[in-house]
């Protein structure tokens, strides 16, 4: 199970607001059931199969272009742990148990 964080920022839109673009990207996530996701103030956390996650990120990356953005900057961070089963909740619980 892979946990990834993605942040997609449109450039060249004439506005500093990107919440509409984020909302449209999340519509892609709502239409699927393969990958778990969590919106955060600075990006979106995805949990699932790596190929499924990368496919979704590709679709989300295209959303700002479809809405007229002249440039899109997408940052991806991937945590691919293979020595044991990982999840968003397990990662958070591990830290909480140490606090």
PDB file of N, CA and C in Angstrom:
ATOM      1  N   UNK A   1       0.855  -1.178   0.000  1.00  0.00           N
ATOM      2  CA  UNK A   1       0.000   0.000   0.000  1.00  0.00           C
ATOM      3  C   UNK A   1       0.900   1.240   0.000  1.00  0.00           C
ATOM      4  N   UNK A   2       0.619   2.140  -0.906  1.00  0.00           N
ATOM      5  CA  UNK A   2       1.384   3.375  -1.049  1.00  0.00           C
ATOM      6  C   UNK A   2       0.595   4.531  -0.449  1.00  0.00           C
ATOM      7  N   UNK A   3       1.308   5.434   0.193  1.00  0.00           N
ATOM      8  CA  UNK A   3       0.727   6.684   0.665  1.00  0.00           C
ATOM      9  C   UNK A   3       1.454   7.789  -0.081  1.00  0.00           C
ATOM     10  N   UNK A   4       0.691   8.669  -0.710  1.00  0.00           N
ATOM     11  CA  UNK A   4       1.293   9.750  -1.490  1.00  0.00           C
ATOM     12  C   UNK A   4       0.623  11.071  -1.130  1.00  0.00           C
ATOM     13  N   UNK A   5       1.387  12.132  -1.281  1.00  0.00           N
ATOM     14  CA  UNK A   5       0.839  13.475  -1.114  1.00  0.00           C
ATOM     15  C   UNK A   5       1.003  14.204  -2.435  1.00  0.00           C
ATOM     16  N   UNK A   6      -0.038  14.866  -2.878  1.00  0.00           N
ATOM     17  CA  UNK A   6       0.028  15.609  -4.132  1.00  0.00           C
ATOM     18  C   UNK A   6      -0.494  17.022  -3.905  1.00  0.00           C
ATOM     19  N   UNK A   7       0.167  17.956  -4.540  1.00  0.00           N
ATOM     20  CA  UNK A   7      -0.255  19.350  -4.521  1.00  0.00           C
ATOM     21  C   UNK A   7      -0.192  19.851  -5.961  1.00  0.00           C
ATOM     22  N   UNK A   8      -1.320  20.322  -6.462  1.00  0.00           N
ATOM     23  CA  UNK A   8      -1.415  20.767  -7.852  1.00  0.00           C
ATOM     24  C   UNK A   8      -1.752  22.248  -7.852  1.00  0.00           C
ATOM     25  N   UNK A   9      -0.883  23.043  -8.464  1.00  0.00           N
ATOM     26  CA  UNK A   9      -1.071  24.489  -8.460  1.00  0.00           C
ATOM     27  C   UNK A   9      -1.096  25.028  -9.892  1.00  0.00           C
ATOM     28  N   UNK A  10      -2.216  25.612 -10.303  1.00  0.00           N
ATOM     29  CA  UNK A  10      -2.278  26.237 -11.622  1.00  0.00           C
ATOM     30  C   UNK A  10      -1.549  27.572 -11.604  1.00  0.00           C
ATOM     31  N   UNK A  11      -0.906  27.888 -12.691  1.00  0.00           N
ATOM     32  CA  UNK A  11      -0.213  29.170 -12.844  1.00  0.00           C
ATOM     33  C   UNK A  11      -0.774  29.861 -14.085  1.00  0.00           C
ATOM     34  N   UNK A  12      -0.666  31.165 -14.116  1.00  0.00           N
ATOM     35  CA  UNK A  12      -1.125  31.897 -15.286  1.00  0.00           C
ATOM     36  C   UNK A  12      -2.636  31.971 -15.401  1.00  0.00           C
ATOM     37  N   UNK A  13      -3.322  32.027 -14.250  1.00  0.00           N
ATOM     38  CA  UNK A  13      -4.780  32.065 -14.279  1.00  0.00           C
ATOM     39  C   UNK A  13      -5.341  33.472 -14.096  1.00  0.00           C
ATOM     40  N   UNK A  14      -4.498  34.409 -13.696  1.00  0.00           N
ATOM     41  CA  UNK A  14      -4.968  35.759 -13.449  1.00  0.00           C
ATOM     42  C   UNK A  14      -5.547  35.965 -12.059  1.00  0.00           C
ATOM     43  N   UNK A  15      -5.511  34.912 -11.210  1.00  0.00           N
ATOM     44  CA  UNK A  15      -6.039  34.996  -9.850  1.00  0.00           C
ATOM     45  C   UNK A  15      -5.120  34.239  -8.896  1.00  0.00           C
ATOM     46  N   UNK A  16      -5.078  34.667  -7.666  1.00  0.00           N
ATOM     47  CA  UNK A  16      -4.293  33.945  -6.664  1.00  0.00           C
ATOM     48  C   UNK A  16      -5.086  32.815  -6.013  1.00  0.00           C
ATOM     49  N   UNK A  17      -6.398  32.774  -6.222  1.00  0.00           N
ATOM     50  CA  UNK A  17      -7.243  31.732  -5.638  1.00  0.00           C
ATOM     51  C   UNK A  17      -7.154  30.448  -6.462  1.00  0.00           C
ATOM     52  N   UNK A  18      -6.997  29.312  -5.761  1.00  0.00           N
ATOM     53  CA  UNK A  18      -6.965  28.028  -6.468  1.00  0.00           C
ATOM     54  C   UNK A  18      -8.005  27.042  -5.941  1.00  0.00           C
ATOM     55  N   UNK A  19      -8.860  27.467  -5.016  1.00  0.00           N
ATOM     56  CA  UNK A  19      -9.811  26.532  -4.407  1.00  0.00           C
ATOM     57  C   UNK A  19     -10.761  25.912  -5.426  1.00  0.00           C
ATOM     58  N   UNK A  20     -11.129  26.634  -6.449  1.00  0.00           N
ATOM     59  CA  UNK A  20     -11.987  26.071  -7.491  1.00  0.00           C
ATOM     60  C   UNK A  20     -11.301  24.946  -8.248  1.00  0.00           C
ATOM     61  N   UNK A  21     -10.004  25.101  -8.483  1.00  0.00           N
ATOM     62  CA  UNK A  21      -9.230  24.058  -9.152  1.00  0.00           C
ATOM     63  C   UNK A  21      -9.106  22.831  -8.246  1.00  0.00           C
ATOM     64  N   UNK A  22      -8.856  23.076  -6.957  1.00  0.00           N
ATOM     65  CA  UNK A  22      -8.752  21.978  -5.997  1.00  0.00           C
ATOM     66  C   UNK A  22     -10.081  21.218  -5.945  1.00  0.00           C
ATOM     67  N   UNK A  23     -11.179  21.938  -5.896  1.00  0.00           N
ATOM     68  CA  UNK A  23     -12.500  21.296  -5.846  1.00  0.00           C
ATOM     69  C   UNK A  23     -12.724  20.433  -7.087  1.00  0.00           C
ATOM     70  N   UNK A  24     -12.357  20.930  -8.252  1.00  0.00           N
ATOM     71  CA  UNK A  24     -12.528  20.147  -9.477  1.00  0.00           C
ATOM     72  C   UNK A  24     -11.637  18.908  -9.478  1.00  0.00           C
ATOM     73  N   UNK A  25     -10.441  19.016  -8.939  1.00  0.00           N
ATOM     74  CA  UNK A  25      -9.566  17.846  -8.822  1.00  0.00           C
ATOM     75  C   UNK A  25     -10.181  16.815  -7.884  1.00  0.00           C
ATOM     76  N   UNK A  26     -10.825  17.268  -6.819  1.00  0.00           N
ATOM     77  CA  UNK A  26     -11.432  16.344  -5.870  1.00  0.00           C
ATOM     78  C   UNK A  26     -12.668  15.659  -6.442  1.00  0.00           C
ATOM     79  N   UNK A  27     -13.281  16.269  -7.432  1.00  0.00           N
ATOM     80  CA  UNK A  27     -14.403  15.601  -8.107  1.00  0.00           C
ATOM     81  C   UNK A  27     -13.922  14.324  -8.789  1.00  0.00           C
ATOM     82  N   UNK A  28     -12.689  14.351  -9.304  1.00  0.00           N
ATOM     83  CA  UNK A  28     -12.085  13.154  -9.901  1.00  0.00           C
ATOM     84  C   UNK A  28     -11.962  12.067  -8.824  1.00  0.00           C
ATOM     85  N   UNK A  29     -11.530  12.454  -7.637  1.00  0.00           N
ATOM     86  CA  UNK A  29     -11.357  11.492  -6.545  1.00  0.00           C
ATOM     87  C   UNK A  29     -12.699  10.933  -6.078  1.00  0.00           C
ATOM     88  N   UNK A  30     -13.724  11.763  -6.058  1.00  0.00           N
ATOM     89  CA  UNK A  30     -15.041  11.313  -5.612  1.00  0.00           C
ATOM     90  C   UNK A  30     -15.671  10.312  -6.580  1.00  0.00           C
ATOM     91  N   UNK A  31     -15.233  10.324  -7.829  1.00  0.00           N
ATOM     92  CA  UNK A  31     -15.801   9.448  -8.856  1.00  0.00           C
ATOM     93  C   UNK A  31     -15.157   8.069  -8.890  1.00  0.00           C
ATOM     94  N   UNK A  32     -14.207   7.818  -8.015  1.00  0.00           N
ATOM     95  CA  UNK A  32     -13.515   6.527  -8.011  1.00  0.00           C
ATOM     96  C   UNK A  32     -13.582   5.929  -6.615  1.00  0.00           C
ATOM     97  N   UNK A  33     -13.285   4.626  -6.526  1.00  0.00           N
ATOM     98  CA  UNK A  33     -13.339   3.958  -5.231  1.00  0.00           C
ATOM     99  C   UNK A  33     -12.081   3.162  -4.922  1.00  0.00           C
ATOM    100  N   UNK A  34     -11.102   3.210  -5.810  1.00  0.00           N
ATOM    101  CA  UNK A  34      -9.865   2.434  -5.628  1.00  0.00           C
ATOM    102  C   UNK A  34      -8.932   3.020  -4.591  1.00  0.00           C
ATOM    103  N   UNK A  35      -8.878   4.337  -4.524  1.00  0.00           N
ATOM    104  CA  UNK A  35      -7.888   5.039  -3.709  1.00  0.00           C
ATOM    105  C   UNK A  35      -8.595   5.830  -2.616  1.00  0.00           C
ATOM    106  N   UNK A  36      -8.099   5.685  -1.393  1.00  0.00           N
ATOM    107  CA  UNK A  36      -8.583   6.506  -0.280  1.00  0.00           C
ATOM    108  C   UNK A  36      -7.887   7.861  -0.368  1.00  0.00           C
ATOM    109  N   UNK A  37      -8.539   8.913   0.081  1.00  0.00           N
ATOM    110  CA  UNK A  37      -7.923  10.241   0.003  1.00  0.00           C
ATOM    111  C   UNK A  37      -8.370  11.110   1.161  1.00  0.00           C
ATOM    112  N   UNK A  38      -7.533  12.095   1.433  1.00  0.00           N
ATOM    113  CA  UNK A  38      -7.827  13.053   2.498  1.00  0.00           C
ATOM    114  C   UNK A  38      -7.320  14.424   2.064  1.00  0.00           C
ATOM    115  N   UNK A  39      -8.198  15.386   2.008  1.00  0.00           N
ATOM    116  CA  UNK A  39      -7.834  16.763   1.698  1.00  0.00           C
ATOM    117  C   UNK A  39      -7.195  17.396   2.923  1.00  0.00           C
ATOM    118  N   UNK A  40      -6.083  18.089   2.743  1.00  0.00           N
ATOM    119  CA  UNK A  40      -5.444  18.847   3.812  1.00  0.00           C
ATOM    120  C   UNK A  40      -5.300  20.286   3.338  1.00  0.00           C
ATOM    121  N   UNK A  41      -4.958  21.207   4.218  1.00  0.00           N
ATOM    122  CA  UNK A  41      -4.821  22.599   3.801  1.00  0.00           C
ATOM    123  C   UNK A  41      -3.722  22.834   2.753  1.00  0.00           C
ATOM    124  N   UNK A  42      -2.757  21.917   2.658  1.00  0.00           N
ATOM    125  CA  UNK A  42      -1.624  22.136   1.760  1.00  0.00           C
ATOM    126  C   UNK A  42      -1.512  21.108   0.631  1.00  0.00           C
ATOM    127  N   UNK A  43      -2.455  20.191   0.540  1.00  0.00           N
ATOM    128  CA  UNK A  43      -2.381  19.163  -0.495  1.00  0.00           C
ATOM    129  C   UNK A  43      -3.404  18.083  -0.220  1.00  0.00           C
ATOM    130  N   UNK A  44      -3.258  16.973  -0.914  1.00  0.00           N
ATOM    131  CA  UNK A  44      -4.158  15.840  -0.754  1.00  0.00           C
ATOM    132  C   UNK A  44      -3.333  14.586  -0.527  1.00  0.00           C
ATOM    133  N   UNK A  45      -3.728  13.797   0.468  1.00  0.00           N
ATOM    134  CA  UNK A  45      -3.067  12.532   0.763  1.00  0.00           C
ATOM    135  C   UNK A  45      -3.858  11.426   0.067  1.00  0.00           C
ATOM    136  N   UNK A  46      -3.150  10.535  -0.619  1.00  0.00           N
ATOM    137  CA  UNK A  46      -3.757   9.415  -1.331  1.00  0.00           C
ATOM    138  C   UNK A  46      -3.196   8.118  -0.780  1.00  0.00           C
ATOM    139  N   UNK A  47      -4.038   7.085  -0.681  1.00  0.00           N
ATOM    140  CA  UNK A  47      -3.613   5.784  -0.167  1.00  0.00           C
ATOM    141  C   UNK A  47      -4.179   4.700  -1.067  1.00  0.00           C
ATOM    142  N   UNK A  48      -3.286   3.851  -1.588  1.00  0.00           N
ATOM    143  CA  UNK A  48      -3.747   2.769  -2.446  1.00  0.00           C
ATOM    144  C   UNK A  48      -2.623   2.189  -3.287  1.00  0.00           C
ATOM    145  N   UNK A  49      -2.996   1.560  -4.372  1.00  0.00           N
ATOM    146  CA  UNK A  49      -2.058   0.977  -5.321  1.00  0.00           C
ATOM    147  C   UNK A  49      -1.319   2.090  -6.067  1.00  0.00           C
ATOM    148  N   UNK A  50      -0.018   1.925  -6.240  1.00  0.00           N
ATOM    149  CA  UNK A  50       0.794   2.972  -6.876  1.00  0.00           C
ATOM    150  C   UNK A  50       0.297   3.321  -8.272  1.00  0.00           C
ATOM    151  N   UNK A  51      -0.009   2.325  -9.094  1.00  0.00           N
ATOM    152  CA  UNK A  51      -0.479   2.610 -10.453  1.00  0.00           C
ATOM    153  C   UNK A  51      -1.793   3.385 -10.433  1.00  0.00           C
ATOM    154  N   UNK A  52      -2.693   3.027  -9.530  1.00  0.00           N
ATOM    155  CA  UNK A  52      -3.969   3.740  -9.420  1.00  0.00           C
ATOM    156  C   UNK A  52      -3.743   5.185  -8.986  1.00  0.00           C
ATOM    157  N   UNK A  53      -2.855   5.376  -8.020  1.00  0.00           N
ATOM    158  CA  UNK A  53      -2.559   6.725  -7.540  1.00  0.00           C
ATOM    159  C   UNK A  53      -1.956   7.576  -8.649  1.00  0.00           C
ATOM    160  N   UNK A  54      -0.978   7.038  -9.358  1.00  0.00           N
ATOM    161  CA  UNK A  54      -0.340   7.807 -10.428  1.00  0.00           C
ATOM    162  C   UNK A  54      -1.331   8.133 -11.538  1.00  0.00           C
ATOM    163  N   UNK A  55      -2.237   7.214 -11.834  1.00  0.00           N
ATOM    164  CA  UNK A  55      -3.268   7.484 -12.836  1.00  0.00           C
ATOM    165  C   UNK A  55      -4.185   8.620 -12.415  1.00  0.00           C
ATOM    166  N   UNK A  56      -4.569   8.628 -11.149  1.00  0.00           N
ATOM    167  CA  UNK A  56      -5.417   9.704 -10.640  1.00  0.00           C
ATOM    168  C   UNK A  56      -4.684  11.040 -10.641  1.00  0.00           C
ATOM    169  N   UNK A  57      -3.416  11.022 -10.256  1.00  0.00           N
ATOM    170  CA  UNK A  57      -2.648  12.265 -10.261  1.00  0.00           C
ATOM    171  C   UNK A  57      -2.553  12.816 -11.673  1.00  0.00           C
ATOM    172  N   UNK A  58      -2.378  11.958 -12.647  1.00  0.00           N
ATOM    173  CA  UNK A  58      -2.326  12.396 -14.054  1.00  0.00           C
ATOM    174  C   UNK A  58      -3.638  13.093 -14.449  1.00  0.00           C
ATOM    175  N   UNK A  59      -4.767  12.501 -14.086  1.00  0.00           N
ATOM    176  CA  UNK A  59      -6.065  13.106 -14.395  1.00  0.00           C
ATOM    177  C   UNK A  59      -6.232  14.442 -13.678  1.00  0.00           C
ATOM    178  N   UNK A  60      -5.825  14.488 -12.412  1.00  0.00           N
ATOM    179  CA  UNK A  60      -5.948  15.720 -11.641  1.00  0.00           C
ATOM    180  C   UNK A  60      -5.036  16.813 -12.190  1.00  0.00           C
ATOM    181  N   UNK A  61      -3.867  16.427 -12.651  1.00  0.00           N
ATOM    182  CA  UNK A  61      -2.911  17.381 -13.223  1.00  0.00           C
ATOM    183  C   UNK A  61      -3.493  18.081 -14.454  1.00  0.00           C
ATOM    184  N   UNK A  62      -4.333  17.386 -15.193  1.00  0.00           N
ATOM    185  CA  UNK A  62      -4.917  17.943 -16.416  1.00  0.00           C
ATOM    186  C   UNK A  62      -6.069  18.917 -16.153  1.00  0.00           C
ATOM    187  N   UNK A  63      -6.676  18.844 -14.977  1.00  0.00           N
ATOM    188  CA  UNK A  63      -7.842  19.689 -14.670  1.00  0.00           C
ATOM    189  C   UNK A  63      -7.561  21.181 -14.838  1.00  0.00           C
ATOM    190  N   UNK A  64      -6.484  21.731 -14.253  1.00  0.00           N
ATOM    191  CA  UNK A  64      -6.249  23.167 -14.430  1.00  0.00           C
ATOM    192  C   UNK A  64      -6.044  23.568 -15.897  1.00  0.00           C
ATOM    193  N   UNK A  65      -5.418  22.720 -16.682  1.00  0.00           N
ATOM    194  CA  UNK A  65      -5.267  23.026 -18.111  1.00  0.00           C
ATOM    195  C   UNK A  65      -6.628  23.112 -18.783  1.00  0.00           C
ATOM    196  N   UNK A  66      -7.511  22.172 -18.440  1.00  0.00           N
ATOM    197  CA  UNK A  66      -8.855  22.158 -19.028  1.00  0.00           C
ATOM    198  C   UNK A  66      -9.644  23.405 -18.635  1.00  0.00           C
ATOM    199  N   UNK A  67      -9.282  23.994 -17.493  1.00  0.00           N
ATOM    200  CA  UNK A  67      -9.958  25.207 -17.028  1.00  0.00           C
ATOM    201  C   UNK A  67      -9.243  26.486 -17.467  1.00  0.00           C
ATOM    202  N   UNK A  68      -8.231  26.356 -18.352  1.00  0.00           N
ATOM    203  CA  UNK A  68      -7.590  27.536 -18.916  1.00  0.00           C
ATOM    204  C   UNK A  68      -6.253  27.938 -18.334  1.00  0.00           C
ATOM    205  N   UNK A  69      -5.720  27.190 -17.378  1.00  0.00           N
ATOM    206  CA  UNK A  69      -4.403  27.534 -16.821  1.00  0.00           C
ATOM    207  C   UNK A  69      -3.347  27.396 -17.909  1.00  0.00           C
ATOM    208  N   UNK A  70      -2.403  28.317 -17.909  1.00  0.00           N
ATOM    209  CA  UNK A  70      -1.328  28.273 -18.881  1.00  0.00           C
ATOM    210  C   UNK A  70      -0.169  27.389 -18.452  1.00  0.00           C
ATOM    211  N   UNK A  71      -0.135  27.083 -17.159  1.00  0.00           N
ATOM    212  CA  UNK A  71       0.960  26.275 -16.614  1.00  0.00           C
ATOM    213  C   UNK A  71       0.465  25.610 -15.328  1.00  0.00           C
ATOM    214  N   UNK A  72       0.948  24.398 -15.062  1.00  0.00           N
ATOM    215  CA  UNK A  72       0.551  23.677 -13.858  1.00  0.00           C
ATOM    216  C   UNK A  72       1.795  23.107 -13.190  1.00  0.00           C
ATOM    217  N   UNK A  73       1.913  23.342 -11.897  1.00  0.00           N
ATOM    218  CA  UNK A  73       3.009  22.787 -11.111  1.00  0.00           C
ATOM    219  C   UNK A  73       2.432  21.733 -10.169  1.00  0.00           C
ATOM    220  N   UNK A  74       2.896  20.490 -10.330  1.00  0.00           N
ATOM    221  CA  UNK A  74       2.414  19.387  -9.510  1.00  0.00           C
ATOM    222  C   UNK A  74       3.573  18.805  -8.714  1.00  0.00           C
ATOM    223  N   UNK A  75       3.413  18.780  -7.390  1.00  0.00           N
ATOM    224  CA  UNK A  75       4.426  18.195  -6.507  1.00  0.00           C
ATOM    225  C   UNK A  75       3.867  16.893  -5.947  1.00  0.00           C
ATOM    226  N   UNK A  76       4.689  15.829  -6.017  1.00  0.00           N
ATOM    227  CA  UNK A  76       4.268  14.513  -5.556  1.00  0.00           C
ATOM    228  C   UNK A  76       5.307  13.982  -4.575  1.00  0.00           C
ATOM    229  N   UNK A  77       4.824  13.485  -3.435  1.00  0.00           N
ATOM    230  CA  UNK A  77       5.680  12.813  -2.464  1.00  0.00           C
ATOM    231  C   UNK A  77       5.096  11.421  -2.255  1.00  0.00           C
ATOM    232  N   UNK A  78       5.920  10.376  -2.399  1.00  0.00           N
ATOM    233  CA  UNK A  78       5.437   9.000  -2.300  1.00  0.00           C
ATOM    234  C   UNK A  78       6.160   8.272  -1.172  1.00  0.00           C
ATOM    235  N   UNK A  79       5.369   7.621  -0.308  1.00  0.00           N
ATOM    236  CA  UNK A  79       5.892   6.756   0.750  1.00  0.00           C
ATOM    237  C   UNK A  79       5.473   5.333   0.386  1.00  0.00           C
ATOM    238  N   UNK A  80       6.431   4.550  -0.078  1.00  0.00           N
ATOM    239  CA  UNK A  80       6.163   3.181  -0.542  1.00  0.00           C
ATOM    240  C   UNK A  80       6.902   2.223   0.384  1.00  0.00           C
ATOM    241  N   UNK A  81       6.265   1.868   1.479  1.00  0.00           N
ATOM    242  CA  UNK A  81       6.889   0.988   2.472  1.00  0.00           C
ATOM    243  C   UNK A  81       6.479  -0.446   2.193  1.00  0.00           C
ATOM    244  N   UNK A  82       7.468  -1.332   2.053  1.00  0.00           N
ATOM    245  CA  UNK A  82       7.164  -2.705   1.678  1.00  0.00           C
ATOM    246  C   UNK A  82       7.518  -3.730   2.744  1.00  0.00           C
ATOM    247  N   UNK A  83       8.044  -3.281   3.879  1.00  0.00           N
ATOM    248  CA  UNK A  83       8.376  -4.238   4.935  1.00  0.00           C
ATOM    249  C   UNK A  83       7.182  -4.541   5.839  1.00  0.00           C
ATOM    250  N   UNK A  84       6.150  -3.683   5.806  1.00  0.00           N
ATOM    251  CA  UNK A  84       4.919  -3.959   6.540  1.00  0.00           C
ATOM    252  C   UNK A  84       3.794  -3.129   5.941  1.00  0.00           C
ATOM    253  N   UNK A  85       2.567  -3.517   6.253  1.00  0.00           N
ATOM    254  CA  UNK A  85       1.400  -2.841   5.717  1.00  0.00           C
ATOM    255  C   UNK A  85       1.271  -1.456   6.352  1.00  0.00           C
ATOM    256  N   UNK A  86       1.173  -0.428   5.533  1.00  0.00           N
ATOM    257  CA  UNK A  86       1.073   0.946   6.025  1.00  0.00           C
ATOM    258  C   UNK A  86      -0.262   1.547   5.588  1.00  0.00           C
ATOM    259  N   UNK A  87      -0.704   2.524   6.355  1.00  0.00           N
ATOM    260  CA  UNK A  87      -1.909   3.270   5.997  1.00  0.00           C
ATOM    261  C   UNK A  87      -1.790   4.661   6.599  1.00  0.00           C
ATOM    262  N   UNK A  88      -2.644   5.573   6.130  1.00  0.00           N
ATOM    263  CA  UNK A  88      -2.649   6.918   6.681  1.00  0.00           C
ATOM    264  C   UNK A  88      -2.899   6.859   8.188  1.00  0.00           C
ATOM    265  N   UNK A  89      -3.896   6.092   8.587  1.00  0.00           N
ATOM    266  CA  UNK A  89      -4.262   6.020  10.001  1.00  0.00           C
ATOM    267  C   UNK A  89      -3.155   5.389  10.842  1.00  0.00           C
ATOM    268  N   UNK A  90      -2.505   4.349  10.333  1.00  0.00           N
ATOM    269  CA  UNK A  90      -1.418   3.712  11.081  1.00  0.00           C
ATOM    270  C   UNK A  90      -0.251   4.674  11.290  1.00  0.00           C
ATOM    271  N   UNK A  91       0.049   5.487  10.282  1.00  0.00           N
ATOM    272  CA  UNK A  91       1.142   6.461  10.416  1.00  0.00           C
ATOM    273  C   UNK A  91       0.807   7.480  11.500  1.00  0.00           C
ATOM    274  N   UNK A  92      -0.433   7.969  11.502  1.00  0.00           N
ATOM    275  CA  UNK A  92      -0.844   8.941  12.511  1.00  0.00           C
ATOM    276  C   UNK A  92      -0.871   8.315  13.901  1.00  0.00           C
ATOM    277  N   UNK A  93      -1.379   7.099  13.995  1.00  0.00           N
ATOM    278  CA  UNK A  93      -1.448   6.417  15.291  1.00  0.00           C
ATOM    279  C   UNK A  93      -0.057   6.181  15.865  1.00  0.00           C
ATOM    280  N   UNK A  94       0.896   5.865  15.024  1.00  0.00           N
ATOM    281  CA  UNK A  94       2.266   5.634  15.481  1.00  0.00           C
ATOM    282  C   UNK A  94       2.840   6.890  16.137  1.00  0.00           C
ATOM    283  N   UNK A  95       2.594   8.038  15.549  1.00  0.00           N
ATOM    284  CA  UNK A  95       3.081   9.286  16.119  1.00  0.00           C
ATOM    285  C   UNK A  95       2.314   9.620  17.399  1.00  0.00           C
ATOM    286  N   UNK A  96       0.989   9.478  17.356  1.00  0.00           N
ATOM    287  CA  UNK A  96       0.177   9.782  18.545  1.00  0.00           C
ATOM    288  C   UNK A  96       0.591   8.919  19.739  1.00  0.00           C
ATOM    289  N   UNK A  97       0.915   7.669  19.498  1.00  0.00           N
ATOM    290  CA  UNK A  97       1.336   6.783  20.582  1.00  0.00           C
ATOM    291  C   UNK A  97       2.644   7.201  21.208  1.00  0.00           C
ATOM    292  N   UNK A  98       3.440   7.974  20.487  1.00  0.00           N
ATOM    293  CA  UNK A  98       4.742   8.400  20.991  1.00  0.00           C
ATOM    294  C   UNK A  98       4.672   9.778  21.667  1.00  0.00           C
ATOM    295  N   UNK A  99       3.557  10.432  21.529  1.00  0.00           N
ATOM    296  CA  UNK A  99       3.412  11.793  22.131  1.00  0.00           C
ATOM    297  C   UNK A  99       3.021  11.657  23.598  1.00  0.00           C
TER     298      UNK A  99
END
